[in-house]
Amino acid sequence: MATPDLDPLLLDPTRLSIVALLAGTEWAEFSWVRDSAGLSDSALSKQITNLANSGYVEVKTGYVGKRPRTWLNLSDSGHHALRAHVAALHRIVEQSQRADNAHRAEEPSD
């Protein structure tokens, strides 16, 4: 069963979780994403770097008062990649269900 529509970057559960979190928000604060995904600062930073280098996540830094802050946003290409990846996963499930139903139909009944 070929799955060319699966996005290799989103096969990693951590990156998929981050992208899914960002899909429902606009400019989420780094600490909220970190806490929601259950990651350390360094682990999230590494994953965000990978996603930003691929154009999936936009990163904006600034200050709230005197405190530095980082905000993250899922880009249009990130939204598109997530939708395509989820659609590919749905196709895999549907193919599996069809194969299972066909197999059950071929089984001899007792």
Protein backbone atom coordinates (compact mmCIF):
# COMPACT_ATOMS: atom_id res chain seq x y z
CA MET A 1 0.00 0.00 0.00
CA ALA A 2 1.80 3.14 -1.21
CA THR A 3 1.38 6.31 0.86
CA PRO A 4 3.07 9.08 -1.12
CA ASP A 5 0.87 11.80 0.41
CA LEU A 6 2.21 11.31 3.95
CA ASP A 7 4.46 14.19 4.92
CA PRO A 8 7.78 12.82 6.22
CA LEU A 9 8.19 15.79 8.56
CA LEU A 10 4.79 15.14 10.15
CA LEU A 11 5.40 11.42 10.69
CA ASP A 12 7.15 12.36 13.92
CA PRO A 13 4.46 12.40 16.66
CA THR A 14 6.00 15.40 18.42
CA ARG A 15 6.01 17.57 15.29
CA LEU A 16 2.52 16.40 14.38
CA SER A 17 1.31 17.37 17.87
CA ILE A 18 2.88 20.81 17.61
CA VAL A 19 1.39 21.47 14.18
CA ALA A 20 -2.03 20.23 15.34
CA LEU A 21 -1.88 22.54 18.37
CA LEU A 22 -0.93 25.51 16.22
CA ALA A 23 -3.67 24.74 13.68
CA GLY A 24 -6.29 25.79 16.20
CA THR A 25 -4.60 29.02 17.25
CA GLU A 26 -3.06 32.16 15.88
CA TRP A 27 0.30 33.26 17.25
CA ALA A 28 0.48 31.00 20.28
CA GLU A 29 3.03 31.81 22.94
CA PHE A 30 6.01 29.44 23.06
CA SER A 31 5.37 28.53 26.71
CA TRP A 32 1.75 27.54 25.97
CA VAL A 33 2.84 25.24 23.13
CA ARG A 34 5.63 23.81 25.32
CA ASP A 35 3.24 23.06 28.19
CA SER A 36 0.45 21.77 25.93
CA ALA A 37 2.80 19.42 24.10
CA GLY A 38 4.55 18.35 27.31
CA LEU A 39 8.01 19.27 26.06
CA SER A 40 11.06 20.95 27.48
CA ASP A 41 12.15 24.33 26.11
CA SER A 42 15.05 22.76 24.23
CA ALA A 43 12.96 19.93 22.75
CA LEU A 44 10.30 22.36 21.51
CA SER A 45 12.94 24.74 20.18
CA LYS A 46 14.56 21.94 18.16
CA GLN A 47 11.23 20.86 16.67
CA ILE A 48 10.21 24.45 15.89
CA THR A 49 13.51 24.97 14.09
CA ASN A 50 12.77 21.93 11.88
CA LEU A 51 9.22 23.11 11.19
CA ALA A 52 10.29 26.73 10.55
CA ASN A 53 13.06 25.63 8.17
CA SER A 54 10.42 23.76 6.17
CA GLY A 55 8.17 26.82 6.12
CA TYR A 56 5.45 25.24 8.25
CA VAL A 57 5.81 27.50 11.29
CA GLU A 58 6.39 31.22 11.60
CA VAL A 59 8.31 32.50 14.61
CA LYS A 60 8.01 36.01 16.02
CA THR A 61 10.00 37.32 18.96
CA GLY A 62 9.38 40.40 21.03
CA TYR A 63 8.90 41.66 24.54
CA VAL A 64 6.05 41.85 27.00
CA GLY A 65 7.28 44.59 29.27
CA LYS A 66 10.92 43.75 29.77
CA ARG A 67 10.46 40.01 29.34
CA PRO A 68 11.38 38.38 26.03
CA ARG A 69 8.65 36.30 24.42
CA THR A 70 8.40 34.03 21.40
CA TRP A 71 5.18 33.43 19.48
CA LEU A 72 4.51 30.65 17.00
CA ASN A 73 2.06 30.51 14.13
CA LEU A 74 1.22 27.78 11.64
CA SER A 75 1.87 29.17 8.16
CA ASP A 76 -0.44 28.66 5.19
CA SER A 77 1.89 25.93 3.90
CA GLY A 78 1.81 24.34 7.36
CA HIS A 79 -1.99 24.31 7.32
CA HIS A 80 -1.93 22.77 3.84
CA ALA A 81 0.65 20.15 4.86
CA LEU A 82 -1.39 19.16 7.92
CA ARG A 83 -4.62 18.84 5.93
CA ALA A 84 -2.88 16.73 3.26
CA HIS A 85 -1.20 14.53 5.89
CA VAL A 86 -4.46 13.93 7.77
CA ALA A 87 -6.25 13.17 4.49
CA ALA A 88 -3.55 10.60 3.66
CA LEU A 89 -3.99 9.00 7.09
CA HIS A 90 -7.75 8.82 6.48
CA ARG A 91 -7.13 7.11 3.12
CA ILE A 92 -4.90 4.54 4.82
CA VAL A 93 -7.61 3.78 7.39
CA GLU A 94 -10.27 3.52 4.67
CA GLN A 95 -8.08 1.18 2.59
CA SER A 96 -7.47 -0.96 5.64
CA GLN A 97 -11.17 -1.13 6.45
CA ARG A 98 -12.02 -2.09 2.85
CA ALA A 99 -9.35 -4.80 2.89
CA ASP A 100 -10.65 -6.10 6.22
CA ASN A 101 -14.23 -6.16 4.95
CA ALA A 102 -13.16 -7.98 1.76
CA HIS A 103 -11.20 -10.51 3.81
CA ARG A 104 -14.17 -11.13 6.11
CA ALA A 105 -16.46 -11.61 3.11
CA GLU A 106 -14.13 -14.33 1.80
CA GLU A 107 -14.00 -16.25 5.10
CA PRO A 108 -16.09 -19.40 5.15
CA SER A 109 -19.03 -19.23 7.51
CA ASP A 110 -19.48 -21.96 10.12
